[in-house]
Amino acid sequence: MKHGYTNSTFGDGALVVKCYQGPEAAFRLSTESRYLRRLRGRLPVPRVHQVTSTSLTTRFVDGSHGQDLIDDGRAAEVFAECGRMLARIHRLGIVHGDYGPQNMLFHPATIETAAILDWEWAHPGRPVEDLAWLEWIVRSHHPEQAPLLPHFFAAYGDDVPGWPDRQAAMVARCRDLLDFCARWEPGGDGEKLWRERLDTTAAWTE
């Protein structure tokens, strides 16, 4: 599992084609296409154009990726908008499963959400899963911005689980992804990567 990715995505400025890789690829494709259709008009998600047995094609959505905006010094704004949008998702009884600025597009002038991407892991579940995973993304990939995470939690608004519950959810997700990689390519780079990430996450303190 090179670099930890579970799909390949390419586009031409009008359409975006996503091909699914690894275990349960057909199930994850079905999940994403189902949620995108279900949520159209209820949340900012890309419009489905075509579905095949191995790929999902959506309409292109213009916007700036959250991680690029964080790198441009707008982390507090991005985190707050992520919190507001996650509250909307959870009010629908849905867990995104890979929620964070890496899977969101924003209007750069206003930092309003243009699209929430990558619904292949979506499922009914506990809100702490998404709350913890965004925190994991920030701690792992933007550690210098971790002190700004209160903007995310405050904008989310509902009761936020304490650190022990959030860390436990992070560790559980890392274990899931370690298992995913081990089934895809036993002993491969992906398995090694997620084993290291699991150990690092388990050692974190608030």
N, C-alpha and C. Protein backbone atom coordinates (compact mmCIF):
# COMPACT_ATOMS: atom_id res chain seq x y z
N MET A 1 0.86 -1.18 0.00
CA MET A 1 0.00 0.00 0.00
C MET A 1 0.90 1.23 0.00
N LYS A 2 1.23 1.74 -1.14
CA LYS A 2 2.18 2.83 -1.26
C LYS A 2 1.61 4.09 -0.62
N HIS A 3 2.38 4.66 0.30
CA HIS A 3 2.05 5.93 0.94
C HIS A 3 0.74 5.88 1.72
N GLY A 4 0.15 4.70 1.87
CA GLY A 4 -1.05 4.59 2.69
C GLY A 4 -2.35 4.93 1.98
N TYR A 5 -2.35 5.09 0.66
CA TYR A 5 -3.56 5.47 -0.04
C TYR A 5 -4.36 4.24 -0.46
N THR A 6 -5.70 4.39 -0.49
CA THR A 6 -6.57 3.26 -0.83
C THR A 6 -7.26 3.46 -2.15
N ASN A 7 -6.87 4.48 -2.91
CA ASN A 7 -7.47 4.70 -4.22
C ASN A 7 -6.52 5.54 -5.05
N SER A 8 -6.81 5.62 -6.35
CA SER A 8 -6.10 6.54 -7.23
C SER A 8 -7.14 7.45 -7.87
N THR A 9 -6.83 8.73 -7.95
CA THR A 9 -7.78 9.72 -8.42
C THR A 9 -7.12 10.58 -9.48
N PHE A 10 -7.86 10.84 -10.56
CA PHE A 10 -7.36 11.74 -11.59
C PHE A 10 -8.54 12.48 -12.20
N GLY A 11 -8.27 13.66 -12.75
CA GLY A 11 -9.35 14.47 -13.32
C GLY A 11 -8.86 15.30 -14.48
N ASP A 12 -9.83 15.89 -15.18
CA ASP A 12 -9.51 16.70 -16.36
C ASP A 12 -10.04 18.13 -16.25
N GLY A 13 -10.43 18.52 -15.02
CA GLY A 13 -10.98 19.85 -14.83
C GLY A 13 -12.48 19.91 -14.97
N ALA A 14 -13.09 18.84 -15.47
CA ALA A 14 -14.55 18.77 -15.57
C ALA A 14 -15.10 17.60 -14.78
N LEU A 15 -14.38 16.47 -14.83
CA LEU A 15 -14.77 15.26 -14.13
C LEU A 15 -13.58 14.73 -13.32
N VAL A 16 -13.89 13.99 -12.27
CA VAL A 16 -12.86 13.35 -11.44
C VAL A 16 -13.19 11.86 -11.38
N VAL A 17 -12.22 11.01 -11.71
CA VAL A 17 -12.40 9.56 -11.70
C VAL A 17 -11.59 8.97 -10.56
N LYS A 18 -12.27 8.20 -9.73
CA LYS A 18 -11.64 7.57 -8.58
C LYS A 18 -11.71 6.05 -8.74
N CYS A 19 -10.55 5.40 -8.72
CA CYS A 19 -10.47 3.94 -8.82
C CYS A 19 -10.04 3.39 -7.46
N TYR A 20 -10.69 2.33 -7.02
CA TYR A 20 -10.51 1.81 -5.66
C TYR A 20 -9.55 0.64 -5.67
N GLN A 21 -8.72 0.58 -4.64
CA GLN A 21 -7.68 -0.44 -4.55
C GLN A 21 -7.75 -1.13 -3.19
N GLY A 22 -7.17 -2.31 -3.12
CA GLY A 22 -7.05 -3.00 -1.85
C GLY A 22 -8.28 -3.81 -1.48
N PRO A 23 -8.30 -4.35 -0.26
CA PRO A 23 -9.41 -5.19 0.19
C PRO A 23 -10.74 -4.44 0.19
N GLU A 24 -11.80 -5.16 -0.11
CA GLU A 24 -13.17 -4.61 -0.10
C GLU A 24 -13.32 -3.40 -1.02
N ALA A 25 -12.58 -3.37 -2.13
CA ALA A 25 -12.64 -2.22 -3.03
C ALA A 25 -14.06 -2.01 -3.55
N ALA A 26 -14.73 -3.08 -3.94
CA ALA A 26 -16.09 -2.95 -4.49
C ALA A 26 -17.05 -2.43 -3.42
N PHE A 27 -16.89 -2.87 -2.20
CA PHE A 27 -17.76 -2.41 -1.11
C PHE A 27 -17.53 -0.93 -0.84
N ARG A 28 -16.28 -0.49 -0.84
CA ARG A 28 -15.99 0.92 -0.58
C ARG A 28 -16.49 1.80 -1.72
N LEU A 29 -16.39 1.31 -2.94
CA LEU A 29 -16.96 2.05 -4.08
C LEU A 29 -18.46 2.19 -3.91
N SER A 30 -19.13 1.11 -3.57
CA SER A 30 -20.57 1.13 -3.39
C SER A 30 -20.96 2.07 -2.26
N THR A 31 -20.19 2.04 -1.17
CA THR A 31 -20.47 2.91 -0.04
C THR A 31 -20.39 4.38 -0.45
N GLU A 32 -19.31 4.73 -1.13
CA GLU A 32 -19.13 6.14 -1.48
C GLU A 32 -20.22 6.62 -2.45
N SER A 33 -20.50 5.84 -3.46
CA SER A 33 -21.52 6.26 -4.43
C SER A 33 -22.88 6.39 -3.76
N ARG A 34 -23.19 5.49 -2.84
CA ARG A 34 -24.48 5.54 -2.14
C ARG A 34 -24.59 6.78 -1.27
N TYR A 35 -23.55 7.09 -0.52
CA TYR A 35 -23.60 8.26 0.35
C TYR A 35 -23.60 9.56 -0.44
N LEU A 36 -22.86 9.62 -1.52
CA LEU A 36 -22.86 10.85 -2.33
C LEU A 36 -24.26 11.13 -2.88
N ARG A 37 -24.93 10.10 -3.33
CA ARG A 37 -26.29 10.29 -3.85
C ARG A 37 -27.26 10.64 -2.73
N ARG A 38 -27.10 9.99 -1.62
CA ARG A 38 -28.00 10.23 -0.49
C ARG A 38 -27.84 11.65 0.06
N LEU A 39 -26.63 12.17 0.05
CA LEU A 39 -26.35 13.45 0.70
C LEU A 39 -26.44 14.64 -0.23
N ARG A 40 -26.59 14.39 -1.52
CA ARG A 40 -26.68 15.49 -2.47
C ARG A 40 -27.87 16.39 -2.11
N GLY A 41 -27.61 17.69 -1.98
CA GLY A 41 -28.65 18.62 -1.58
C GLY A 41 -28.77 18.80 -0.08
N ARG A 42 -28.12 17.93 0.68
CA ARG A 42 -28.15 18.02 2.14
C ARG A 42 -26.81 18.49 2.70
N LEU A 43 -25.73 18.13 2.00
CA LEU A 43 -24.39 18.55 2.36
C LEU A 43 -23.64 18.89 1.07
N PRO A 44 -22.60 19.69 1.15
CA PRO A 44 -21.81 19.99 -0.04
C PRO A 44 -20.93 18.80 -0.43
N VAL A 45 -21.40 18.00 -1.37
CA VAL A 45 -20.66 16.84 -1.86
C VAL A 45 -20.64 16.88 -3.38
N PRO A 46 -19.67 16.24 -4.02
CA PRO A 46 -19.61 16.22 -5.47
C PRO A 46 -20.81 15.47 -6.06
N ARG A 47 -21.21 15.86 -7.25
CA ARG A 47 -22.31 15.20 -7.94
C ARG A 47 -21.80 13.97 -8.68
N VAL A 48 -22.47 12.83 -8.48
CA VAL A 48 -22.08 11.59 -9.16
C VAL A 48 -22.41 11.70 -10.64
N HIS A 49 -21.43 11.35 -11.47
CA HIS A 49 -21.62 11.36 -12.92
C HIS A 49 -21.78 9.95 -13.47
N GLN A 50 -20.94 9.03 -13.01
CA GLN A 50 -20.98 7.65 -13.53
C GLN A 50 -20.36 6.70 -12.52
N VAL A 51 -20.88 5.49 -12.46
CA VAL A 51 -20.34 4.44 -11.60
C VAL A 51 -20.11 3.20 -12.45
N THR A 52 -18.92 2.62 -12.36
CA THR A 52 -18.63 1.34 -13.00
C THR A 52 -18.30 0.33 -11.91
N SER A 53 -17.90 -0.86 -12.31
CA SER A 53 -17.58 -1.89 -11.32
C SER A 53 -16.30 -1.58 -10.56
N THR A 54 -15.46 -0.69 -11.08
CA THR A 54 -14.18 -0.40 -10.44
C THR A 54 -13.93 1.07 -10.18
N SER A 55 -14.81 1.96 -10.64
CA SER A 55 -14.52 3.38 -10.51
C SER A 55 -15.79 4.19 -10.28
N LEU A 56 -15.58 5.37 -9.72
CA LEU A 56 -16.64 6.35 -9.49
C LEU A 56 -16.20 7.66 -10.12
N THR A 57 -17.05 8.21 -10.98
CA THR A 57 -16.76 9.49 -11.62
C THR A 57 -17.71 10.55 -11.07
N THR A 58 -17.14 11.66 -10.62
CA THR A 58 -17.94 12.76 -10.10
C THR A 58 -17.62 14.04 -10.87
N ARG A 59 -18.51 15.01 -10.74
CA ARG A 59 -18.25 16.32 -11.33
C ARG A 59 -17.15 17.02 -10.54
N PHE A 60 -16.30 17.73 -11.25
CA PHE A 60 -15.23 18.49 -10.63
C PHE A 60 -15.81 19.61 -9.77
N VAL A 61 -15.23 19.81 -8.59
CA VAL A 61 -15.61 20.90 -7.70
C VAL A 61 -14.40 21.81 -7.53
N ASP A 62 -14.57 23.09 -7.81
CA ASP A 62 -13.49 24.04 -7.66
C ASP A 62 -13.35 24.43 -6.19
N GLY A 63 -12.13 24.55 -5.71
CA GLY A 63 -11.90 24.94 -4.33
C GLY A 63 -10.46 24.67 -3.93
N SER A 64 -10.10 25.15 -2.76
CA SER A 64 -8.75 24.96 -2.23
C SER A 64 -8.77 23.85 -1.20
N HIS A 65 -7.78 22.95 -1.27
CA HIS A 65 -7.70 21.87 -0.29
C HIS A 65 -7.37 22.44 1.09
N GLY A 66 -7.97 21.83 2.09
CA GLY A 66 -7.78 22.29 3.45
C GLY A 66 -6.33 22.29 3.89
N GLN A 67 -5.58 21.26 3.50
CA GLN A 67 -4.19 21.19 3.93
C GLN A 67 -3.36 22.32 3.33
N ASP A 68 -3.70 22.73 2.09
CA ASP A 68 -2.99 23.85 1.48
C ASP A 68 -3.30 25.15 2.23
N LEU A 69 -4.55 25.32 2.63
CA LEU A 69 -4.92 26.52 3.37
C LEU A 69 -4.26 26.56 4.75
N ILE A 70 -4.14 25.40 5.37
CA ILE A 70 -3.42 25.33 6.65
C ILE A 70 -1.97 25.78 6.46
N ASP A 71 -1.35 25.30 5.40
CA ASP A 71 0.03 25.69 5.12
C ASP A 71 0.15 27.17 4.81
N ASP A 72 -0.94 27.77 4.35
CA ASP A 72 -0.95 29.21 4.04
C ASP A 72 -1.28 30.07 5.26
N GLY A 73 -1.38 29.46 6.45
CA GLY A 73 -1.58 30.22 7.65
C GLY A 73 -3.03 30.44 8.05
N ARG A 74 -3.95 29.63 7.52
CA ARG A 74 -5.37 29.82 7.81
C ARG A 74 -5.95 28.66 8.60
N ALA A 75 -5.13 28.06 9.42
CA ALA A 75 -5.53 26.86 10.15
C ALA A 75 -6.74 27.10 11.05
N ALA A 76 -6.75 28.21 11.79
CA ALA A 76 -7.85 28.45 12.72
C ALA A 76 -9.18 28.52 11.99
N GLU A 77 -9.20 29.20 10.83
CA GLU A 77 -10.43 29.30 10.05
C GLU A 77 -10.85 27.94 9.50
N VAL A 78 -9.89 27.18 9.00
CA VAL A 78 -10.19 25.86 8.45
C VAL A 78 -10.73 24.94 9.54
N PHE A 79 -10.09 24.94 10.71
CA PHE A 79 -10.53 24.06 11.79
C PHE A 79 -11.95 24.42 12.23
N ALA A 80 -12.24 25.70 12.32
CA ALA A 80 -13.58 26.11 12.73
C ALA A 80 -14.63 25.66 11.72
N GLU A 81 -14.34 25.82 10.44
CA GLU A 81 -15.30 25.38 9.42
C GLU A 81 -15.44 23.86 9.43
N CYS A 82 -14.35 23.14 9.67
CA CYS A 82 -14.43 21.68 9.80
C CYS A 82 -15.35 21.30 10.95
N GLY A 83 -15.28 22.01 12.06
CA GLY A 83 -16.14 21.72 13.19
C GLY A 83 -17.60 21.96 12.88
N ARG A 84 -17.90 23.09 12.24
CA ARG A 84 -19.29 23.40 11.88
C ARG A 84 -19.85 22.36 10.92
N MET A 85 -19.05 21.96 9.94
CA MET A 85 -19.54 21.00 8.95
C MET A 85 -19.69 19.61 9.55
N LEU A 86 -18.79 19.23 10.45
CA LEU A 86 -18.90 17.91 11.06
C LEU A 86 -20.17 17.82 11.92
N ALA A 87 -20.53 18.90 12.58
CA ALA A 87 -21.77 18.89 13.35
C ALA A 87 -22.96 18.62 12.43
N ARG A 88 -22.96 19.18 11.24
CA ARG A 88 -24.04 18.93 10.28
C ARG A 88 -24.06 17.46 9.85
N ILE A 89 -22.89 16.89 9.60
CA ILE A 89 -22.81 15.48 9.21
C ILE A 89 -23.38 14.59 10.32
N HIS A 90 -22.97 14.86 11.54
CA HIS A 90 -23.39 14.01 12.66
C HIS A 90 -24.86 14.15 12.97
N ARG A 91 -25.45 15.30 12.68
CA ARG A 91 -26.89 15.45 12.89
C ARG A 91 -27.69 14.55 11.96
N LEU A 92 -27.06 14.09 10.89
CA LEU A 92 -27.69 13.16 9.96
C LEU A 92 -27.46 11.70 10.37
N GLY A 93 -26.76 11.49 11.48
CA GLY A 93 -26.52 10.13 11.96
C GLY A 93 -25.43 9.39 11.21
N ILE A 94 -24.51 10.14 10.63
CA ILE A 94 -23.47 9.56 9.78
C ILE A 94 -22.10 9.83 10.38
N VAL A 95 -21.21 8.85 10.27
CA VAL A 95 -19.78 9.03 10.53
C VAL A 95 -19.08 8.98 9.18
N HIS A 96 -18.26 9.99 8.89
CA HIS A 96 -17.58 10.06 7.60
C HIS A 96 -16.53 8.96 7.48
N GLY A 97 -15.74 8.76 8.52
CA GLY A 97 -14.76 7.68 8.53
C GLY A 97 -13.35 8.08 8.15
N ASP A 98 -13.19 9.24 7.50
CA ASP A 98 -11.85 9.74 7.17
C ASP A 98 -11.90 11.26 7.14
N TYR A 99 -12.52 11.82 8.17
CA TYR A 99 -12.83 13.25 8.17
C TYR A 99 -11.62 14.08 8.54
N GLY A 100 -11.42 15.15 7.79
CA GLY A 100 -10.34 16.07 8.08
C GLY A 100 -10.11 17.02 6.93
N PRO A 101 -9.25 18.01 7.11
CA PRO A 101 -9.01 18.99 6.06
C PRO A 101 -8.44 18.39 4.79
N GLN A 102 -7.84 17.20 4.89
CA GLN A 102 -7.29 16.54 3.71
C GLN A 102 -8.37 16.08 2.75
N ASN A 103 -9.60 15.98 3.24
CA ASN A 103 -10.72 15.51 2.40
C ASN A 103 -11.80 16.57 2.26
N MET A 104 -11.37 17.84 2.27
CA MET A 104 -12.32 18.93 2.12
C MET A 104 -11.76 19.98 1.19
N LEU A 105 -12.67 20.57 0.41
CA LEU A 105 -12.35 21.73 -0.44
C LEU A 105 -13.09 22.94 0.12
N PHE A 106 -12.42 24.10 0.07
CA PHE A 106 -12.98 25.32 0.63
C PHE A 106 -12.96 26.44 -0.41
N HIS A 107 -13.92 27.35 -0.29
CA HIS A 107 -13.85 28.59 -1.05
C HIS A 107 -12.77 29.45 -0.40
N PRO A 108 -11.70 29.76 -1.10
CA PRO A 108 -10.55 30.39 -0.43
C PRO A 108 -10.85 31.76 0.16
N ALA A 109 -11.79 32.50 -0.41
CA ALA A 109 -12.06 33.84 0.10
C ALA A 109 -12.80 33.81 1.43
N THR A 110 -13.69 32.84 1.58
CA THR A 110 -14.56 32.80 2.77
C THR A 110 -14.27 31.63 3.71
N ILE A 111 -13.52 30.63 3.25
CA ILE A 111 -13.28 29.38 3.96
C ILE A 111 -14.59 28.65 4.26
N GLU A 112 -15.59 28.85 3.44
CA GLU A 112 -16.79 28.02 3.51
C GLU A 112 -16.53 26.73 2.72
N THR A 113 -17.16 25.66 3.14
CA THR A 113 -16.92 24.36 2.52
C THR A 113 -17.49 24.31 1.11
N ALA A 114 -16.65 23.96 0.15
CA ALA A 114 -17.09 23.75 -1.23
C ALA A 114 -17.49 22.30 -1.45
N ALA A 115 -16.78 21.36 -0.82
CA ALA A 115 -17.10 19.94 -0.97
C ALA A 115 -16.41 19.13 0.11
N ILE A 116 -17.14 18.12 0.59
CA ILE A 116 -16.58 17.10 1.47
C ILE A 116 -16.35 15.86 0.60
N LEU A 117 -15.12 15.37 0.58
CA LEU A 117 -14.71 14.31 -0.34
C LEU A 117 -14.52 12.99 0.40
N ASP A 118 -14.36 11.93 -0.39
CA ASP A 118 -13.90 10.62 0.08
C ASP A 118 -14.80 10.02 1.16
N TRP A 119 -15.94 9.54 0.72
CA TRP A 119 -16.94 8.94 1.62
C TRP A 119 -16.87 7.41 1.65
N GLU A 120 -15.78 6.83 1.20
CA GLU A 120 -15.73 5.37 1.06
C GLU A 120 -15.77 4.64 2.40
N TRP A 121 -15.42 5.33 3.50
CA TRP A 121 -15.43 4.70 4.82
C TRP A 121 -16.66 5.11 5.63
N ALA A 122 -17.62 5.78 5.04
CA ALA A 122 -18.78 6.29 5.78
C ALA A 122 -19.62 5.15 6.34
N HIS A 123 -20.24 5.40 7.49
CA HIS A 123 -21.05 4.38 8.15
C HIS A 123 -21.80 5.01 9.32
N PRO A 124 -22.85 4.38 9.80
CA PRO A 124 -23.42 4.80 11.08
C PRO A 124 -22.42 4.47 12.19
N GLY A 125 -22.21 5.39 13.09
CA GLY A 125 -21.21 5.12 14.12
C GLY A 125 -21.22 6.17 15.21
N ARG A 126 -20.13 6.24 15.97
CA ARG A 126 -20.03 7.16 17.10
C ARG A 126 -19.33 8.44 16.66
N PRO A 127 -19.85 9.60 17.02
CA PRO A 127 -19.22 10.86 16.61
C PRO A 127 -17.75 10.97 16.98
N VAL A 128 -17.33 10.34 18.08
CA VAL A 128 -15.94 10.45 18.49
C VAL A 128 -14.99 9.94 17.41
N GLU A 129 -15.45 9.05 16.56
CA GLU A 129 -14.58 8.53 15.50
C GLU A 129 -14.07 9.66 14.61
N ASP A 130 -14.98 10.52 14.16
CA ASP A 130 -14.58 11.63 13.29
C ASP A 130 -13.86 12.73 14.07
N LEU A 131 -14.34 13.03 15.26
CA LEU A 131 -13.68 14.05 16.07
C LEU A 131 -12.22 13.68 16.34
N ALA A 132 -12.01 12.42 16.69
CA ALA A 132 -10.66 11.96 16.99
C ALA A 132 -9.79 11.90 15.74
N TRP A 133 -10.40 11.53 14.60
CA TRP A 133 -9.57 11.36 13.41
C TRP A 133 -9.08 12.69 12.88
N LEU A 134 -9.91 13.73 12.91
CA LEU A 134 -9.39 15.03 12.50
C LEU A 134 -8.24 15.44 13.41
N GLU A 135 -8.40 15.21 14.70
CA GLU A 135 -7.31 15.53 15.62
C GLU A 135 -6.06 14.73 15.28
N TRP A 136 -6.24 13.46 14.92
CA TRP A 136 -5.09 12.63 14.53
C TRP A 136 -4.40 13.19 13.30
N ILE A 137 -5.20 13.60 12.31
CA ILE A 137 -4.63 14.18 11.08
C ILE A 137 -3.78 15.40 11.41
N VAL A 138 -4.31 16.27 12.26
CA VAL A 138 -3.58 17.50 12.60
C VAL A 138 -2.32 17.17 13.40
N ARG A 139 -2.45 16.32 14.42
CA ARG A 139 -1.28 15.96 15.23
C ARG A 139 -0.20 15.28 14.39
N SER A 140 -0.61 14.49 13.39
CA SER A 140 0.34 13.73 12.59
C SER A 140 0.97 14.56 11.47
N HIS A 141 0.16 15.37 10.80
CA HIS A 141 0.62 16.05 9.59
C HIS A 141 0.82 17.55 9.76
N HIS A 142 0.22 18.13 10.78
CA HIS A 142 0.38 19.57 11.03
C HIS A 142 0.59 19.80 12.53
N PRO A 143 1.59 19.16 13.14
CA PRO A 143 1.72 19.22 14.60
C PRO A 143 1.88 20.64 15.14
N GLU A 144 2.46 21.51 14.34
CA GLU A 144 2.64 22.88 14.80
C GLU A 144 1.32 23.63 14.94
N GLN A 145 0.25 23.09 14.30
CA GLN A 145 -1.07 23.71 14.38
C GLN A 145 -1.97 23.06 15.43
N ALA A 146 -1.49 22.03 16.11
CA ALA A 146 -2.31 21.34 17.10
C ALA A 146 -2.85 22.27 18.19
N PRO A 147 -2.11 23.30 18.62
CA PRO A 147 -2.67 24.20 19.64
C PRO A 147 -3.94 24.93 19.17
N LEU A 148 -4.22 24.92 17.86
CA LEU A 148 -5.41 25.59 17.34
C LEU A 148 -6.62 24.66 17.26
N LEU A 149 -6.46 23.41 17.67
CA LEU A 149 -7.58 22.47 17.61
C LEU A 149 -8.80 22.91 18.41
N PRO A 150 -8.67 23.68 19.50
CA PRO A 150 -9.87 24.17 20.19
C PRO A 150 -10.84 24.92 19.27
N HIS A 151 -10.34 25.53 18.19
CA HIS A 151 -11.25 26.18 17.23
C HIS A 151 -12.18 25.14 16.60
N PHE A 152 -11.66 23.97 16.33
CA PHE A 152 -12.45 22.88 15.76
C PHE A 152 -13.49 22.38 16.75
N PHE A 153 -13.06 22.10 17.96
CA PHE A 153 -13.97 21.55 18.96
C PHE A 153 -15.05 22.57 19.35
N ALA A 154 -14.67 23.84 19.47
CA ALA A 154 -15.65 24.86 19.83
C ALA A 154 -16.70 25.03 18.74
N ALA A 155 -16.29 25.00 17.48
CA ALA A 155 -17.24 25.16 16.38
C ALA A 155 -18.14 23.94 16.24
N TYR A 156 -17.64 22.77 16.61
CA TYR A 156 -18.48 21.56 16.57
C TYR A 156 -19.67 21.71 17.51
N GLY A 157 -19.40 22.24 18.68
CA GLY A 157 -20.49 22.69 19.54
C GLY A 157 -21.01 21.70 20.56
N ASP A 158 -21.23 20.45 20.17
CA ASP A 158 -21.76 19.48 21.12
C ASP A 158 -20.67 19.06 22.10
N ASP A 159 -21.05 18.25 23.07
CA ASP A 159 -20.07 17.76 24.03
C ASP A 159 -18.98 16.97 23.31
N VAL A 160 -17.76 17.36 23.53
CA VAL A 160 -16.62 16.69 22.91
C VAL A 160 -16.05 15.68 23.91
N PRO A 161 -15.89 14.42 23.53
CA PRO A 161 -15.34 13.43 24.45
C PRO A 161 -13.96 13.85 24.96
N GLY A 162 -13.62 13.37 26.13
CA GLY A 162 -12.33 13.69 26.72
C GLY A 162 -11.18 12.99 26.00
N TRP A 163 -9.96 13.38 26.37
CA TRP A 163 -8.78 12.85 25.70
C TRP A 163 -8.71 11.31 25.73
N PRO A 164 -8.98 10.63 26.84
CA PRO A 164 -8.87 9.16 26.81
C PRO A 164 -9.75 8.53 25.73
N ASP A 165 -10.96 9.03 25.58
CA ASP A 165 -11.86 8.47 24.56
C ASP A 165 -11.39 8.81 23.16
N ARG A 166 -10.89 10.04 22.97
CA ARG A 166 -10.40 10.43 21.64
C ARG A 166 -9.17 9.63 21.27
N GLN A 167 -8.25 9.47 22.19
CA GLN A 167 -7.05 8.69 21.89
C GLN A 167 -7.40 7.24 21.61
N ALA A 168 -8.33 6.69 22.38
CA ALA A 168 -8.73 5.30 22.14
C ALA A 168 -9.32 5.14 20.74
N ALA A 169 -10.08 6.13 20.28
CA ALA A 169 -10.65 6.07 18.94
C ALA A 169 -9.56 6.18 17.87
N MET A 170 -8.55 7.01 18.12
CA MET A 170 -7.42 7.11 17.19
C MET A 170 -6.68 5.78 17.09
N VAL A 171 -6.41 5.19 18.24
CA VAL A 171 -5.69 3.91 18.26
C VAL A 171 -6.49 2.84 17.55
N ALA A 172 -7.80 2.81 17.77
CA ALA A 172 -8.65 1.81 17.12
C ALA A 172 -8.61 1.97 15.60
N ARG A 173 -8.65 3.22 15.13
CA ARG A 173 -8.62 3.45 13.69
C ARG A 173 -7.27 3.07 13.10
N CYS A 174 -6.20 3.38 13.80
CA CYS A 174 -4.88 2.97 13.33
C CYS A 174 -4.78 1.45 13.25
N ARG A 175 -5.37 0.75 14.21
CA ARG A 175 -5.36 -0.72 14.17
C ARG A 175 -6.15 -1.23 12.96
N ASP A 176 -7.28 -0.58 12.68
CA ASP A 176 -8.07 -0.97 11.51
C ASP A 176 -7.27 -0.81 10.23
N LEU A 177 -6.55 0.29 10.10
CA LEU A 177 -5.79 0.54 8.88
C LEU A 177 -4.55 -0.35 8.81
N LEU A 178 -3.99 -0.68 9.94
CA LEU A 178 -2.90 -1.66 9.97
C LEU A 178 -3.39 -3.01 9.47
N ASP A 179 -4.55 -3.43 9.95
CA ASP A 179 -5.13 -4.70 9.50
C ASP A 179 -5.44 -4.66 8.01
N PHE A 180 -5.97 -3.54 7.53
CA PHE A 180 -6.28 -3.37 6.11
C PHE A 180 -5.02 -3.57 5.27
N CYS A 181 -3.93 -2.92 5.66
CA CYS A 181 -2.68 -3.03 4.91
C CYS A 181 -2.08 -4.43 5.00
N ALA A 182 -2.21 -5.06 6.16
CA ALA A 182 -1.66 -6.40 6.33
C ALA A 182 -2.38 -7.40 5.44
N ARG A 183 -3.68 -7.19 5.23
CA ARG A 183 -4.43 -8.08 4.34
C ARG A 183 -4.13 -7.78 2.87
N TRP A 184 -3.81 -6.53 2.58
CA TRP A 184 -3.54 -6.13 1.19
C TRP A 184 -2.15 -6.61 0.75
N GLU A 185 -1.15 -6.27 1.57
CA GLU A 185 0.23 -6.59 1.23
C GLU A 185 0.97 -6.97 2.51
N PRO A 186 0.87 -8.23 2.94
CA PRO A 186 1.50 -8.64 4.20
C PRO A 186 2.99 -8.32 4.21
N GLY A 187 3.42 -7.63 5.27
CA GLY A 187 4.83 -7.29 5.39
C GLY A 187 5.28 -6.14 4.53
N GLY A 188 4.34 -5.49 3.85
CA GLY A 188 4.69 -4.42 2.93
C GLY A 188 4.89 -3.08 3.61
N ASP A 189 5.16 -2.06 2.78
CA ASP A 189 5.44 -0.73 3.31
C ASP A 189 4.24 -0.15 4.07
N GLY A 190 3.03 -0.42 3.56
CA GLY A 190 1.84 0.11 4.22
C GLY A 190 1.68 -0.44 5.62
N GLU A 191 1.91 -1.75 5.77
CA GLU A 191 1.80 -2.36 7.09
C GLU A 191 2.84 -1.77 8.05
N LYS A 192 4.06 -1.57 7.56
CA LYS A 192 5.11 -1.00 8.41
C LYS A 192 4.76 0.44 8.80
N LEU A 193 4.24 1.19 7.84
CA LEU A 193 3.88 2.58 8.11
C LEU A 193 2.83 2.68 9.20
N TRP A 194 1.77 1.85 9.07
CA TRP A 194 0.69 1.96 10.06
C TRP A 194 1.06 1.35 11.40
N ARG A 195 1.99 0.42 11.43
CA ARG A 195 2.48 -0.08 12.72
C ARG A 195 3.23 1.03 13.45
N GLU A 196 4.04 1.78 12.72
CA GLU A 196 4.76 2.91 13.32
C GLU A 196 3.78 3.98 13.80
N ARG A 197 2.77 4.26 12.98
CA ARG A 197 1.78 5.27 13.37
C ARG A 197 0.97 4.83 14.58
N LEU A 198 0.67 3.55 14.65
CA LEU A 198 -0.06 3.03 15.81
C LEU A 198 0.76 3.22 17.08
N ASP A 199 2.04 2.86 17.02
CA ASP A 199 2.89 3.00 18.20
C ASP A 199 3.02 4.47 18.62
N THR A 200 3.17 5.35 17.63
CA THR A 200 3.29 6.78 17.93
C THR A 200 2.02 7.31 18.58
N THR A 201 0.87 6.92 18.03
CA THR A 201 -0.43 7.40 18.53
C THR A 201 -0.67 6.93 19.95
N ALA A 202 -0.34 5.66 20.21
CA ALA A 202 -0.56 5.10 21.55
C ALA A 202 0.30 5.80 22.61
N ALA A 203 1.41 6.40 22.18
CA ALA A 203 2.33 7.04 23.12
C ALA A 203 2.01 8.52 23.34
N TRP A 204 1.08 9.07 22.57
CA TRP A 204 0.74 10.49 22.73
C TRP A 204 0.15 10.78 24.11
N THR A 205 0.39 12.00 24.58
CA THR A 205 -0.30 12.52 25.75
C THR A 205 -1.01 13.80 25.32
N GLU A 206 -2.03 14.16 26.04
CA GLU A 206 -2.83 15.32 25.64
C GLU A 206 -2.00 16.60 25.70
